[in-house]
Amino acid sequence: MESLSSTIRSRGDIVLTVASSGIAALFIPGGRTAHSRFAIPLIVDECSTCTIHPNSNLAELVDKAKLIIWDEAPVMHQHCFEALDRTLKDVLRHRNNDRLDIPFGGKNVVLGGDFRQGS
């Protein structure tokens, strides 16, 4: 995943690299925890959303990003992915109305990690 993000960044594009844990995020260039980057609530349920406001700097950053890379994805609860999906659909809809029904608001998301692990 590091070479993928390096290649895209070398073209001047934005890649958001996150991990499910703080330790894993330390080993990713430019990495942050998914909770920190996307303002995912610490306690999530089937209706949770992230705290990204449509006109915020974070919304603009996400909109400009060419790719989101999420390491250690298998250890994260599905409600975290669903919260990000709902939020990106809502936030990016304000910028482009045709993204409402596309997963993650049309953002390319690469999920990585050891899929033999589970939450």
PDB file of N, CA and C in Angstrom:
ATOM      1  N   MET A   1       0.820  -1.194   0.000  1.00  0.00           N
ATOM      2  CA  MET A   1       0.000   0.000   0.000  1.00  0.00           C
ATOM      3  C   MET A   1       0.865   1.259   0.000  1.00  0.00           C
ATOM      4  N   GLU A   2       2.062   1.144   0.556  1.00  0.00           N
ATOM      5  CA  GLU A   2       2.929   2.317   0.600  1.00  0.00           C
ATOM      6  C   GLU A   2       3.341   2.757  -0.797  1.00  0.00           C
ATOM      7  N   SER A   3       3.618   1.791  -1.676  1.00  0.00           N
ATOM      8  CA  SER A   3       4.022   2.185  -3.034  1.00  0.00           C
ATOM      9  C   SER A   3       2.846   2.792  -3.799  1.00  0.00           C
ATOM     10  N   LEU A   4       1.643   2.311  -3.532  1.00  0.00           N
ATOM     11  CA  LEU A   4       0.455   2.882  -4.169  1.00  0.00           C
ATOM     12  C   LEU A   4       0.286   4.344  -3.759  1.00  0.00           C
ATOM     13  N   SER A   5       0.359   4.601  -2.466  1.00  0.00           N
ATOM     14  CA  SER A   5       0.194   5.983  -2.004  1.00  0.00           C
ATOM     15  C   SER A   5       1.346   6.862  -2.486  1.00  0.00           C
ATOM     16  N   SER A   6       2.569   6.329  -2.518  1.00  0.00           N
ATOM     17  CA  SER A   6       3.724   7.111  -2.998  1.00  0.00           C
ATOM     18  C   SER A   6       3.561   7.495  -4.456  1.00  0.00           C
ATOM     19  N   THR A   7       3.102   6.553  -5.261  1.00  0.00           N
ATOM     20  CA  THR A   7       2.918   6.818  -6.689  1.00  0.00           C
ATOM     21  C   THR A   7       1.885   7.915  -6.912  1.00  0.00           C
ATOM     22  N   ILE A   8       0.770   7.817  -6.229  1.00  0.00           N
ATOM     23  CA  ILE A   8      -0.294   8.812  -6.401  1.00  0.00           C
ATOM     24  C   ILE A   8       0.154  10.176  -5.879  1.00  0.00           C
ATOM     25  N   ARG A   9       0.826  10.183  -4.738  1.00  0.00           N
ATOM     26  CA  ARG A   9       1.311  11.452  -4.180  1.00  0.00           C
ATOM     27  C   ARG A   9       2.384  12.080  -5.058  1.00  0.00           C
ATOM     28  N   SER A  10       3.183  11.253  -5.738  1.00  0.00           N
ATOM     29  CA  SER A  10       4.237  11.798  -6.605  1.00  0.00           C
ATOM     30  C   SER A  10       3.651  12.579  -7.779  1.00  0.00           C
ATOM     31  N   ARG A  11       2.393  12.338  -8.080  1.00  0.00           N
ATOM     32  CA  ARG A  11       1.698  13.075  -9.144  1.00  0.00           C
ATOM     33  C   ARG A  11       1.064  14.362  -8.620  1.00  0.00           C
ATOM     34  N   GLY A  12       1.245  14.611  -7.337  1.00  0.00           N
ATOM     35  CA  GLY A  12       0.673  15.813  -6.741  1.00  0.00           C
ATOM     36  C   GLY A  12      -0.735  15.628  -6.216  1.00  0.00           C
ATOM     37  N   ASP A  13      -1.200  14.389  -6.187  1.00  0.00           N
ATOM     38  CA  ASP A  13      -2.556  14.117  -5.706  1.00  0.00           C
ATOM     39  C   ASP A  13      -2.540  13.765  -4.222  1.00  0.00           C
ATOM     40  N   ILE A  14      -3.707  13.854  -3.614  1.00  0.00           N
ATOM     41  CA  ILE A  14      -3.858  13.597  -2.184  1.00  0.00           C
ATOM     42  C   ILE A  14      -4.323  12.165  -1.956  1.00  0.00           C
ATOM     43  N   VAL A  15      -3.644  11.488  -1.024  1.00  0.00           N
ATOM     44  CA  VAL A  15      -4.047  10.164  -0.561  1.00  0.00           C
ATOM     45  C   VAL A  15      -4.212  10.263   0.946  1.00  0.00           C
ATOM     46  N   LEU A  16      -5.340   9.837   1.450  1.00  0.00           N
ATOM     47  CA  LEU A  16      -5.564   9.801   2.889  1.00  0.00           C
ATOM     48  C   LEU A  16      -5.270   8.389   3.367  1.00  0.00           C
ATOM     49  N   THR A  17      -4.235   8.248   4.202  1.00  0.00           N
ATOM     50  CA  THR A  17      -3.845   6.936   4.708  1.00  0.00           C
ATOM     51  C   THR A  17      -4.213   6.848   6.178  1.00  0.00           C
ATOM     52  N   VAL A  18      -4.992   5.827   6.502  1.00  0.00           N
ATOM     53  CA  VAL A  18      -5.435   5.638   7.879  1.00  0.00           C
ATOM     54  C   VAL A  18      -5.238   4.183   8.276  1.00  0.00           C
ATOM     55  N   ALA A  19      -5.291   3.955   9.574  1.00  0.00           N
ATOM     56  CA  ALA A  19      -5.223   2.600  10.110  1.00  0.00           C
ATOM     57  C   ALA A  19      -6.227   2.492  11.249  1.00  0.00           C
ATOM     58  N   SER A  20      -6.549   1.267  11.578  1.00  0.00           N
ATOM     59  CA  SER A  20      -7.523   1.036  12.640  1.00  0.00           C
ATOM     60  C   SER A  20      -6.938   1.257  14.024  1.00  0.00           C
ATOM     61  N   SER A  21      -5.608   1.174  14.150  1.00  0.00           N
ATOM     62  CA  SER A  21      -4.970   1.381  15.452  1.00  0.00           C
ATOM     63  C   SER A  21      -3.899   2.453  15.351  1.00  0.00           C
ATOM     64  N   GLY A  22      -3.598   3.050  16.479  1.00  0.00           N
ATOM     65  CA  GLY A  22      -2.567   4.077  16.523  1.00  0.00           C
ATOM     66  C   GLY A  22      -1.189   3.531  16.208  1.00  0.00           C
ATOM     67  N   ILE A  23      -0.903   2.323  16.672  1.00  0.00           N
ATOM     68  CA  ILE A  23       0.401   1.706  16.405  1.00  0.00           C
ATOM     69  C   ILE A  23       0.585   1.515  14.906  1.00  0.00           C
ATOM     70  N   ALA A  24      -0.405   0.972  14.237  1.00  0.00           N
ATOM     71  CA  ALA A  24      -0.308   0.757  12.785  1.00  0.00           C
ATOM     72  C   ALA A  24      -0.197   2.083  12.043  1.00  0.00           C
ATOM     73  N   ALA A  25      -0.892   3.100  12.510  1.00  0.00           N
ATOM     74  CA  ALA A  25      -0.849   4.411  11.850  1.00  0.00           C
ATOM     75  C   ALA A  25       0.547   5.016  11.898  1.00  0.00           C
ATOM     76  N   LEU A  26       1.311   4.706  12.957  1.00  0.00           N
ATOM     77  CA  LEU A  26       2.675   5.218  13.076  1.00  0.00           C
ATOM     78  C   LEU A  26       3.587   4.707  11.968  1.00  0.00           C
ATOM     79  N   PHE A  27       3.283   3.540  11.426  1.00  0.00           N
ATOM     80  CA  PHE A  27       4.132   2.921  10.414  1.00  0.00           C
ATOM     81  C   PHE A  27       3.732   3.273   8.984  1.00  0.00           C
ATOM     82  N   ILE A  28       2.716   4.096   8.832  1.00  0.00           N
ATOM     83  CA  ILE A  28       2.246   4.494   7.502  1.00  0.00           C
ATOM     84  C   ILE A  28       2.654   5.948   7.266  1.00  0.00           C
ATOM     85  N   PRO A  29       3.359   6.224   6.171  1.00  0.00           N
ATOM     86  CA  PRO A  29       3.710   7.621   5.885  1.00  0.00           C
ATOM     87  C   PRO A  29       2.449   8.493   5.789  1.00  0.00           C
ATOM     88  N   GLY A  30       2.391   9.517   6.619  1.00  0.00           N
ATOM     89  CA  GLY A  30       1.225  10.398   6.633  1.00  0.00           C
ATOM     90  C   GLY A  30       0.012   9.769   7.287  1.00  0.00           C
ATOM     91  N   GLY A  31       0.211   8.655   7.984  1.00  0.00           N
ATOM     92  CA  GLY A  31      -0.915   7.907   8.544  1.00  0.00           C
ATOM     93  C   GLY A  31      -1.503   8.517   9.801  1.00  0.00           C
ATOM     94  N   ARG A  32      -2.774   8.290   9.974  1.00  0.00           N
ATOM     95  CA  ARG A  32      -3.514   8.665  11.178  1.00  0.00           C
ATOM     96  C   ARG A  32      -4.485   7.535  11.468  1.00  0.00           C
ATOM     97  N   THR A  33      -5.038   7.542  12.660  1.00  0.00           N
ATOM     98  CA  THR A  33      -6.081   6.556  12.918  1.00  0.00           C
ATOM     99  C   THR A  33      -7.329   6.968  12.139  1.00  0.00           C
ATOM    100  N   ALA A  34      -8.119   5.990  11.778  1.00  0.00           N
ATOM    101  CA  ALA A  34      -9.360   6.272  11.050  1.00  0.00           C
ATOM    102  C   ALA A  34     -10.278   7.151  11.898  1.00  0.00           C
ATOM    103  N   HIS A  35     -10.315   6.881  13.201  1.00  0.00           N
ATOM    104  CA  HIS A  35     -11.157   7.685  14.088  1.00  0.00           C
ATOM    105  C   HIS A  35     -10.732   9.150  14.076  1.00  0.00           C
ATOM    106  N   SER A  36      -9.437   9.376  14.101  1.00  0.00           N
ATOM    107  CA  SER A  36      -8.922  10.745  14.109  1.00  0.00           C
ATOM    108  C   SER A  36      -9.146  11.445  12.774  1.00  0.00           C
ATOM    109  N   ARG A  37      -8.826  10.779  11.691  1.00  0.00           N
ATOM    110  CA  ARG A  37      -8.920  11.403  10.358  1.00  0.00           C
ATOM    111  C   ARG A  37     -10.362  11.732   9.991  1.00  0.00           C
ATOM    112  N   PHE A  38     -11.279  10.799  10.250  1.00  0.00           N
ATOM    113  CA  PHE A  38     -12.656  10.959   9.778  1.00  0.00           C
ATOM    114  C   PHE A  38     -13.651  11.308  10.883  1.00  0.00           C
ATOM    115  N   ALA A  39     -13.160  11.581  12.077  1.00  0.00           N
ATOM    116  CA  ALA A  39     -14.028  11.937  13.208  1.00  0.00           C
ATOM    117  C   ALA A  39     -15.110  10.886  13.434  1.00  0.00           C
ATOM    118  N   ILE A  40     -14.673   9.622  13.428  1.00  0.00           N
ATOM    119  CA  ILE A  40     -15.594   8.509  13.701  1.00  0.00           C
ATOM    120  C   ILE A  40     -15.839   8.480  15.210  1.00  0.00           C
ATOM    121  N   PRO A  41     -17.082   8.361  15.642  1.00  0.00           N
ATOM    122  CA  PRO A  41     -17.352   8.297  17.084  1.00  0.00           C
ATOM    123  C   PRO A  41     -16.664   7.083  17.719  1.00  0.00           C
ATOM    124  N   LEU A  42     -16.288   7.210  18.980  1.00  0.00           N
ATOM    125  CA  LEU A  42     -15.649   6.086  19.664  1.00  0.00           C
ATOM    126  C   LEU A  42     -16.627   4.946  19.889  1.00  0.00           C
ATOM    127  N   ILE A  43     -17.871   5.285  20.115  1.00  0.00           N
ATOM    128  CA  ILE A  43     -18.916   4.265  20.260  1.00  0.00           C
ATOM    129  C   ILE A  43     -19.821   4.396  19.041  1.00  0.00           C
ATOM    130  N   VAL A  44     -19.870   3.327  18.245  1.00  0.00           N
ATOM    131  CA  VAL A  44     -20.654   3.365  17.009  1.00  0.00           C
ATOM    132  C   VAL A  44     -21.785   2.348  17.057  1.00  0.00           C
ATOM    133  N   ASP A  45     -22.843   2.660  16.334  1.00  0.00           N
ATOM    134  CA  ASP A  45     -23.934   1.712  16.147  1.00  0.00           C
ATOM    135  C   ASP A  45     -24.377   1.784  14.691  1.00  0.00           C
ATOM    136  N   GLU A  46     -25.472   1.128  14.377  1.00  0.00           N
ATOM    137  CA  GLU A  46     -25.912   1.039  12.978  1.00  0.00           C
ATOM    138  C   GLU A  46     -26.379   2.373  12.397  1.00  0.00           C
ATOM    139  N   CYS A  47     -26.533   3.393  13.221  1.00  0.00           N
ATOM    140  CA  CYS A  47     -26.980   4.709  12.736  1.00  0.00           C
ATOM    141  C   CYS A  47     -25.911   5.791  12.850  1.00  0.00           C
ATOM    142  N   SER A  48     -24.730   5.435  13.293  1.00  0.00           N
ATOM    143  CA  SER A  48     -23.678   6.426  13.529  1.00  0.00           C
ATOM    144  C   SER A  48     -23.226   7.113  12.250  1.00  0.00           C
ATOM    145  N   THR A  49     -22.764   8.345  12.409  1.00  0.00           N
ATOM    146  CA  THR A  49     -22.127   9.093  11.326  1.00  0.00           C
ATOM    147  C   THR A  49     -20.871   9.742  11.898  1.00  0.00           C
ATOM    148  N   CYS A  50     -20.003  10.155  11.013  1.00  0.00           N
ATOM    149  CA  CYS A  50     -18.792  10.868  11.412  1.00  0.00           C
ATOM    150  C   CYS A  50     -19.117  12.347  11.565  1.00  0.00           C
ATOM    151  N   THR A  51     -18.272  13.041  12.298  1.00  0.00           N
ATOM    152  CA  THR A  51     -18.494  14.464  12.516  1.00  0.00           C
ATOM    153  C   THR A  51     -17.712  15.271  11.481  1.00  0.00           C
ATOM    154  N   ILE A  52     -18.142  15.174  10.233  1.00  0.00           N
ATOM    155  CA  ILE A  52     -17.552  15.962   9.150  1.00  0.00           C
ATOM    156  C   ILE A  52     -18.662  16.850   8.608  1.00  0.00           C
ATOM    157  N   HIS A  53     -18.497  18.134   8.734  1.00  0.00           N
ATOM    158  CA  HIS A  53     -19.508  19.071   8.254  1.00  0.00           C
ATOM    159  C   HIS A  53     -19.254  19.402   6.787  1.00  0.00           C
ATOM    160  N   PRO A  54     -20.296  19.517   5.980  1.00  0.00           N
ATOM    161  CA  PRO A  54     -20.154  19.703   4.530  1.00  0.00           C
ATOM    162  C   PRO A  54     -19.248  20.854   4.094  1.00  0.00           C
ATOM    163  N   ASN A  55     -19.189  21.927   4.840  1.00  0.00           N
ATOM    164  CA  ASN A  55     -18.372  23.072   4.430  1.00  0.00           C
ATOM    165  C   ASN A  55     -17.068  23.190   5.211  1.00  0.00           C
ATOM    166  N   SER A  56     -16.658  22.117   5.867  1.00  0.00           N
ATOM    167  CA  SER A  56     -15.447  22.152   6.686  1.00  0.00           C
ATOM    168  C   SER A  56     -14.190  21.906   5.854  1.00  0.00           C
ATOM    169  N   ASN A  57     -13.043  22.206   6.456  1.00  0.00           N
ATOM    170  CA  ASN A  57     -11.763  21.920   5.806  1.00  0.00           C
ATOM    171  C   ASN A  57     -11.595  20.424   5.571  1.00  0.00           C
ATOM    172  N   LEU A  58     -12.066  19.622   6.520  1.00  0.00           N
ATOM    173  CA  LEU A  58     -11.963  18.172   6.366  1.00  0.00           C
ATOM    174  C   LEU A  58     -12.800  17.688   5.188  1.00  0.00           C
ATOM    175  N   ALA A  59     -13.984  18.241   5.015  1.00  0.00           N
ATOM    176  CA  ALA A  59     -14.824  17.869   3.868  1.00  0.00           C
ATOM    177  C   ALA A  59     -14.123  18.223   2.562  1.00  0.00           C
ATOM    178  N   GLU A  60     -13.475  19.371   2.532  1.00  0.00           N
ATOM    179  CA  GLU A  60     -12.747  19.781   1.327  1.00  0.00           C
ATOM    180  C   GLU A  60     -11.567  18.852   1.062  1.00  0.00           C
ATOM    181  N   LEU A  61     -10.854  18.471   2.126  1.00  0.00           N
ATOM    182  CA  LEU A  61      -9.727  17.549   1.982  1.00  0.00           C
ATOM    183  C   LEU A  61     -10.187  16.204   1.439  1.00  0.00           C
ATOM    184  N   VAL A  62     -11.259  15.675   2.000  1.00  0.00           N
ATOM    185  CA  VAL A  62     -11.794  14.391   1.538  1.00  0.00           C
ATOM    186  C   VAL A  62     -12.240  14.496   0.084  1.00  0.00           C
ATOM    187  N   ASP A  63     -12.861  15.593  -0.268  1.00  0.00           N
ATOM    188  CA  ASP A  63     -13.314  15.787  -1.644  1.00  0.00           C
ATOM    189  C   ASP A  63     -12.137  15.805  -2.617  1.00  0.00           C
ATOM    190  N   LYS A  64     -11.035  16.433  -2.229  1.00  0.00           N
ATOM    191  CA  LYS A  64      -9.867  16.535  -3.103  1.00  0.00           C
ATOM    192  C   LYS A  64      -9.044  15.247  -3.166  1.00  0.00           C
ATOM    193  N   ALA A  65      -9.189  14.387  -2.179  1.00  0.00           N
ATOM    194  CA  ALA A  65      -8.392  13.156  -2.131  1.00  0.00           C
ATOM    195  C   ALA A  65      -8.741  12.235  -3.294  1.00  0.00           C
ATOM    196  N   LYS A  66      -7.724  11.686  -3.909  1.00  0.00           N
ATOM    197  CA  LYS A  66      -7.920  10.727  -5.001  1.00  0.00           C
ATOM    198  C   LYS A  66      -8.188   9.331  -4.462  1.00  0.00           C
ATOM    199  N   LEU A  67      -7.692   9.061  -3.250  1.00  0.00           N
ATOM    200  CA  LEU A  67      -7.767   7.707  -2.712  1.00  0.00           C
ATOM    201  C   LEU A  67      -7.736   7.754  -1.193  1.00  0.00           C
ATOM    202  N   ILE A  68      -8.452   6.809  -0.591  1.00  0.00           N
ATOM    203  CA  ILE A  68      -8.373   6.568   0.849  1.00  0.00           C
ATOM    204  C   ILE A  68      -7.834   5.156   1.018  1.00  0.00           C
ATOM    205  N   ILE A  69      -6.757   5.022   1.771  1.00  0.00           N
ATOM    206  CA  ILE A  69      -6.194   3.702   2.072  1.00  0.00           C
ATOM    207  C   ILE A  69      -6.376   3.459   3.562  1.00  0.00           C
ATOM    208  N   TRP A  70      -7.025   2.341   3.890  1.00  0.00           N
ATOM    209  CA  TRP A  70      -7.331   2.014   5.287  1.00  0.00           C
ATOM    210  C   TRP A  70      -6.665   0.689   5.616  1.00  0.00           C
ATOM    211  N   ASP A  71      -5.604   0.734   6.434  1.00  0.00           N
ATOM    212  CA  ASP A  71      -4.884  -0.470   6.845  1.00  0.00           C
ATOM    213  C   ASP A  71      -5.520  -1.044   8.103  1.00  0.00           C
ATOM    214  N   GLU A  72      -5.331  -2.327   8.286  1.00  0.00           N
ATOM    215  CA  GLU A  72      -5.917  -3.065   9.406  1.00  0.00           C
ATOM    216  C   GLU A  72      -7.442  -2.984   9.410  1.00  0.00           C
ATOM    217  N   ALA A  73      -8.016  -2.919   8.251  1.00  0.00           N
ATOM    218  CA  ALA A  73      -9.474  -2.817   8.131  1.00  0.00           C
ATOM    219  C   ALA A  73     -10.227  -3.984   8.777  1.00  0.00           C
ATOM    220  N   PRO A  74      -9.722  -5.216   8.689  1.00  0.00           N
ATOM    221  CA  PRO A  74     -10.510  -6.324   9.239  1.00  0.00           C
ATOM    222  C   PRO A  74     -10.755  -6.256  10.743  1.00  0.00           C
ATOM    223  N   VAL A  75      -9.947  -5.507  11.477  1.00  0.00           N
ATOM    224  CA  VAL A  75     -10.149  -5.459  12.925  1.00  0.00           C
ATOM    225  C   VAL A  75     -11.117  -4.351  13.350  1.00  0.00           C
ATOM    226  N   MET A  76     -11.579  -3.569  12.405  1.00  0.00           N
ATOM    227  CA  MET A  76     -12.516  -2.481  12.706  1.00  0.00           C
ATOM    228  C   MET A  76     -13.950  -2.998  12.587  1.00  0.00           C
ATOM    229  N   HIS A  77     -14.816  -2.545  13.449  1.00  0.00           N
ATOM    230  CA  HIS A  77     -16.216  -2.966  13.402  1.00  0.00           C
ATOM    231  C   HIS A  77     -16.886  -2.402  12.149  1.00  0.00           C
ATOM    232  N   GLN A  78     -17.793  -3.165  11.579  1.00  0.00           N
ATOM    233  CA  GLN A  78     -18.465  -2.743  10.342  1.00  0.00           C
ATOM    234  C   GLN A  78     -19.207  -1.422  10.498  1.00  0.00           C
ATOM    235  N   HIS A  79     -19.668  -1.100  11.701  1.00  0.00           N
ATOM    236  CA  HIS A  79     -20.381   0.166  11.905  1.00  0.00           C
ATOM    237  C   HIS A  79     -19.484   1.377  11.622  1.00  0.00           C
ATOM    238  N   CYS A  80     -18.172   1.221  11.797  1.00  0.00           N
ATOM    239  CA  CYS A  80     -17.247   2.331  11.481  1.00  0.00           C
ATOM    240  C   CYS A  80     -17.231   2.592   9.981  1.00  0.00           C
ATOM    241  N   PHE A  81     -17.200   1.529   9.186  1.00  0.00           N
ATOM    242  CA  PHE A  81     -17.224   1.686   7.730  1.00  0.00           C
ATOM    243  C   PHE A  81     -18.567   2.244   7.273  1.00  0.00           C
ATOM    244  N   GLU A  82     -19.629   1.768   7.897  1.00  0.00           N
ATOM    245  CA  GLU A  82     -20.962   2.256   7.547  1.00  0.00           C
ATOM    246  C   GLU A  82     -21.114   3.737   7.907  1.00  0.00           C
ATOM    247  N   ALA A  83     -20.546   4.140   9.036  1.00  0.00           N
ATOM    248  CA  ALA A  83     -20.601   5.557   9.436  1.00  0.00           C
ATOM    249  C   ALA A  83     -19.852   6.421   8.427  1.00  0.00           C
ATOM    250  N   LEU A  84     -18.674   5.958   7.999  1.00  0.00           N
ATOM    251  CA  LEU A  84     -17.918   6.715   7.001  1.00  0.00           C
ATOM    252  C   LEU A  84     -18.664   6.747   5.676  1.00  0.00           C
ATOM    253  N   ASP A  85     -19.241   5.633   5.285  1.00  0.00           N
ATOM    254  CA  ASP A  85     -20.009   5.567   4.035  1.00  0.00           C
ATOM    255  C   ASP A  85     -21.158   6.577   4.053  1.00  0.00           C
ATOM    256  N   ARG A  86     -21.955   6.568   5.112  1.00  0.00           N
ATOM    257  CA  ARG A  86     -23.080   7.506   5.229  1.00  0.00           C
ATOM    258  C   ARG A  86     -22.596   8.953   5.196  1.00  0.00           C
ATOM    259  N   THR A  87     -21.517   9.212   5.916  1.00  0.00           N
ATOM    260  CA  THR A  87     -21.005  10.580   6.004  1.00  0.00           C
ATOM    261  C   THR A  87     -20.473  11.069   4.670  1.00  0.00           C
ATOM    262  N   LEU A  88     -19.681  10.242   3.989  1.00  0.00           N
ATOM    263  CA  LEU A  88     -19.130  10.669   2.700  1.00  0.00           C
ATOM    264  C   LEU A  88     -20.234  10.878   1.672  1.00  0.00           C
ATOM    265  N   LYS A  89     -21.240  10.022   1.684  1.00  0.00           N
ATOM    266  CA  LYS A  89     -22.376  10.227   0.772  1.00  0.00           C
ATOM    267  C   LYS A  89     -23.033  11.576   1.031  1.00  0.00           C
ATOM    268  N   ASP A  90     -23.212  11.902   2.295  1.00  0.00           N
ATOM    269  CA  ASP A  90     -23.866  13.161   2.646  1.00  0.00           C
ATOM    270  C   ASP A  90     -22.978  14.363   2.328  1.00  0.00           C
ATOM    271  N   VAL A  91     -21.742  14.320   2.765  1.00  0.00           N
ATOM    272  CA  VAL A  91     -20.828  15.453   2.580  1.00  0.00           C
ATOM    273  C   VAL A  91     -20.534  15.695   1.110  1.00  0.00           C
ATOM    274  N   LEU A  92     -20.257  14.638   0.369  1.00  0.00           N
ATOM    275  CA  LEU A  92     -19.898  14.803  -1.038  1.00  0.00           C
ATOM    276  C   LEU A  92     -21.111  15.097  -1.908  1.00  0.00           C
ATOM    277  N   ARG A  93     -22.300  14.751  -1.433  1.00  0.00           N
ATOM    278  CA  ARG A  93     -23.538  15.089  -2.150  1.00  0.00           C
ATOM    279  C   ARG A  93     -23.684  16.599  -2.265  1.00  0.00           C
ATOM    280  N   HIS A  94     -23.239  17.318  -1.249  1.00  0.00           N
ATOM    281  CA  HIS A  94     -23.311  18.781  -1.281  1.00  0.00           C
ATOM    282  C   HIS A  94     -22.409  19.364  -2.357  1.00  0.00           C
ATOM    283  N   ARG A  95     -21.439  18.594  -2.790  1.00  0.00           N
ATOM    284  CA  ARG A  95     -20.497  19.060  -3.804  1.00  0.00           C
ATOM    285  C   ARG A  95     -20.825  18.495  -5.181  1.00  0.00           C
ATOM    286  N   ASN A  96     -21.557  17.383  -5.201  1.00  0.00           N
ATOM    287  CA  ASN A  96     -21.891  16.736  -6.469  1.00  0.00           C
ATOM    288  C   ASN A  96     -23.095  15.824  -6.219  1.00  0.00           C
ATOM    289  N   ASN A  97     -24.281  16.213  -6.636  1.00  0.00           N
ATOM    290  CA  ASN A  97     -25.524  15.512  -6.300  1.00  0.00           C
ATOM    291  C   ASN A  97     -25.602  14.065  -6.754  1.00  0.00           C
ATOM    292  N   ASP A  98     -24.804  13.647  -7.720  1.00  0.00           N
ATOM    293  CA  ASP A  98     -24.941  12.283  -8.221  1.00  0.00           C
ATOM    294  C   ASP A  98     -24.197  11.249  -7.380  1.00  0.00           C
ATOM    295  N   ARG A  99     -23.619  11.625  -6.253  1.00  0.00           N
ATOM    296  CA  ARG A  99     -22.845  10.692  -5.438  1.00  0.00           C
ATOM    297  C   ARG A  99     -23.649  10.049  -4.313  1.00  0.00           C
ATOM    298  N   LEU A 100     -24.916  10.318  -4.219  1.00  0.00           N
ATOM    299  CA  LEU A 100     -25.710   9.869  -3.082  1.00  0.00           C
ATOM    300  C   LEU A 100     -25.794   8.353  -2.958  1.00  0.00           C
ATOM    301  N   ASP A 101     -25.911   7.647  -4.057  1.00  0.00           N
ATOM    302  CA  ASP A 101     -26.091   6.198  -3.993  1.00  0.00           C
ATOM    303  C   ASP A 101     -24.819   5.412  -4.268  1.00  0.00           C
ATOM    304  N   ILE A 102     -23.694   6.090  -4.436  1.00  0.00           N
ATOM    305  CA  ILE A 102     -22.430   5.414  -4.712  1.00  0.00           C
ATOM    306  C   ILE A 102     -21.717   5.153  -3.385  1.00  0.00           C
ATOM    307  N   PRO A 103     -21.186   3.935  -3.186  1.00  0.00           N
ATOM    308  CA  PRO A 103     -20.475   3.659  -1.929  1.00  0.00           C
ATOM    309  C   PRO A 103     -19.394   4.702  -1.648  1.00  0.00           C
ATOM    310  N   PHE A 104     -19.309   5.094  -0.393  1.00  0.00           N
ATOM    311  CA  PHE A 104     -18.346   6.088   0.073  1.00  0.00           C
ATOM    312  C   PHE A 104     -18.408   7.382  -0.734  1.00  0.00           C
ATOM    313  N   GLY A 105     -19.571   7.721  -1.228  1.00  0.00           N
ATOM    314  CA  GLY A 105     -19.750   8.969  -1.958  1.00  0.00           C
ATOM    315  C   GLY A 105     -18.946   9.051  -3.233  1.00  0.00           C
ATOM    316  N   GLY A 106     -18.523   7.895  -3.746  1.00  0.00           N
ATOM    317  CA  GLY A 106     -17.742   7.865  -4.977  1.00  0.00           C
ATOM    318  C   GLY A 106     -16.242   7.894  -4.762  1.00  0.00           C
ATOM    319  N   LYS A 107     -15.802   7.963  -3.519  1.00  0.00           N
ATOM    320  CA  LYS A 107     -14.364   7.939  -3.223  1.00  0.00           C
ATOM    321  C   LYS A 107     -13.830   6.521  -3.396  1.00  0.00           C
ATOM    322  N   ASN A 108     -12.641   6.427  -3.962  1.00  0.00           N
ATOM    323  CA  ASN A 108     -11.971   5.133  -4.052  1.00  0.00           C
ATOM    324  C   ASN A 108     -11.366   4.820  -2.694  1.00  0.00           C
ATOM    325  N   VAL A 109     -11.734   3.655  -2.153  1.00  0.00           N
ATOM    326  CA  VAL A 109     -11.261   3.246  -0.836  1.00  0.00           C
ATOM    327  C   VAL A 109     -10.622   1.870  -0.969  1.00  0.00           C
ATOM    328  N   VAL A 110      -9.368   1.763  -0.519  1.00  0.00           N
ATOM    329  CA  VAL A 110      -8.661   0.484  -0.516  1.00  0.00           C
ATOM    330  C   VAL A 110      -8.575   0.025   0.932  1.00  0.00           C
ATOM    331  N   LEU A 111      -9.091  -1.166   1.196  1.00  0.00           N
ATOM    332  CA  LEU A 111      -9.041  -1.739   2.536  1.00  0.00           C
ATOM    333  C   LEU A 111      -7.951  -2.794   2.562  1.00  0.00           C
ATOM    334  N   GLY A 112      -7.059  -2.693   3.531  1.00  0.00           N
ATOM    335  CA  GLY A 112      -5.959  -3.647   3.622  1.00  0.00           C
ATOM    336  C   GLY A 112      -5.854  -4.214   5.015  1.00  0.00           C
ATOM    337  N   GLY A 113      -5.014  -5.221   5.138  1.00  0.00           N
ATOM    338  CA  GLY A 113      -4.781  -5.854   6.423  1.00  0.00           C
ATOM    339  C   GLY A 113      -4.864  -7.355   6.282  1.00  0.00           C
ATOM    340  N   ASP A 114      -4.766  -8.033   7.400  1.00  0.00           N
ATOM    341  CA  ASP A 114      -4.842  -9.491   7.426  1.00  0.00           C
ATOM    342  C   ASP A 114      -6.308  -9.877   7.606  1.00  0.00           C
ATOM    343  N   PHE A 115      -6.916 -10.327   6.531  1.00  0.00           N
ATOM    344  CA  PHE A 115      -8.349 -10.625   6.574  1.00  0.00           C
ATOM    345  C   PHE A 115      -8.662 -11.931   7.300  1.00  0.00           C
ATOM    346  N   ARG A 116      -7.638 -12.589   7.839  1.00  0.00           N
ATOM    347  CA  ARG A 116      -7.879 -13.747   8.708  1.00  0.00           C
ATOM    348  C   ARG A 116      -8.144 -13.283  10.130  1.00  0.00           C
ATOM    349  N   GLN A 117      -7.822 -12.014  10.397  1.00  0.00           N
ATOM    350  CA  GLN A 117      -8.142 -11.427  11.697  1.00  0.00           C
ATOM    351  C   GLN A 117      -9.577 -10.935  11.644  1.00  0.00           C
ATOM    352  N   GLY A 118     -10.162 -10.705  12.765  1.00  0.00           N
ATOM    353  CA  GLY A 118     -11.525 -10.183  12.782  1.00  0.00           C
ATOM    354  C   GLY A 118     -11.756  -9.335  14.001  1.00  0.00           C
ATOM    355  N   SER A 119     -12.846  -8.566  13.951  1.00  0.00           N
ATOM    356  CA  SER A 119     -13.142  -7.720  15.120  1.00  0.00           C
ATOM    357  C   SER A 119     -13.918  -8.489  16.149  1.00  0.00           C
TER     358      SER A 119
END
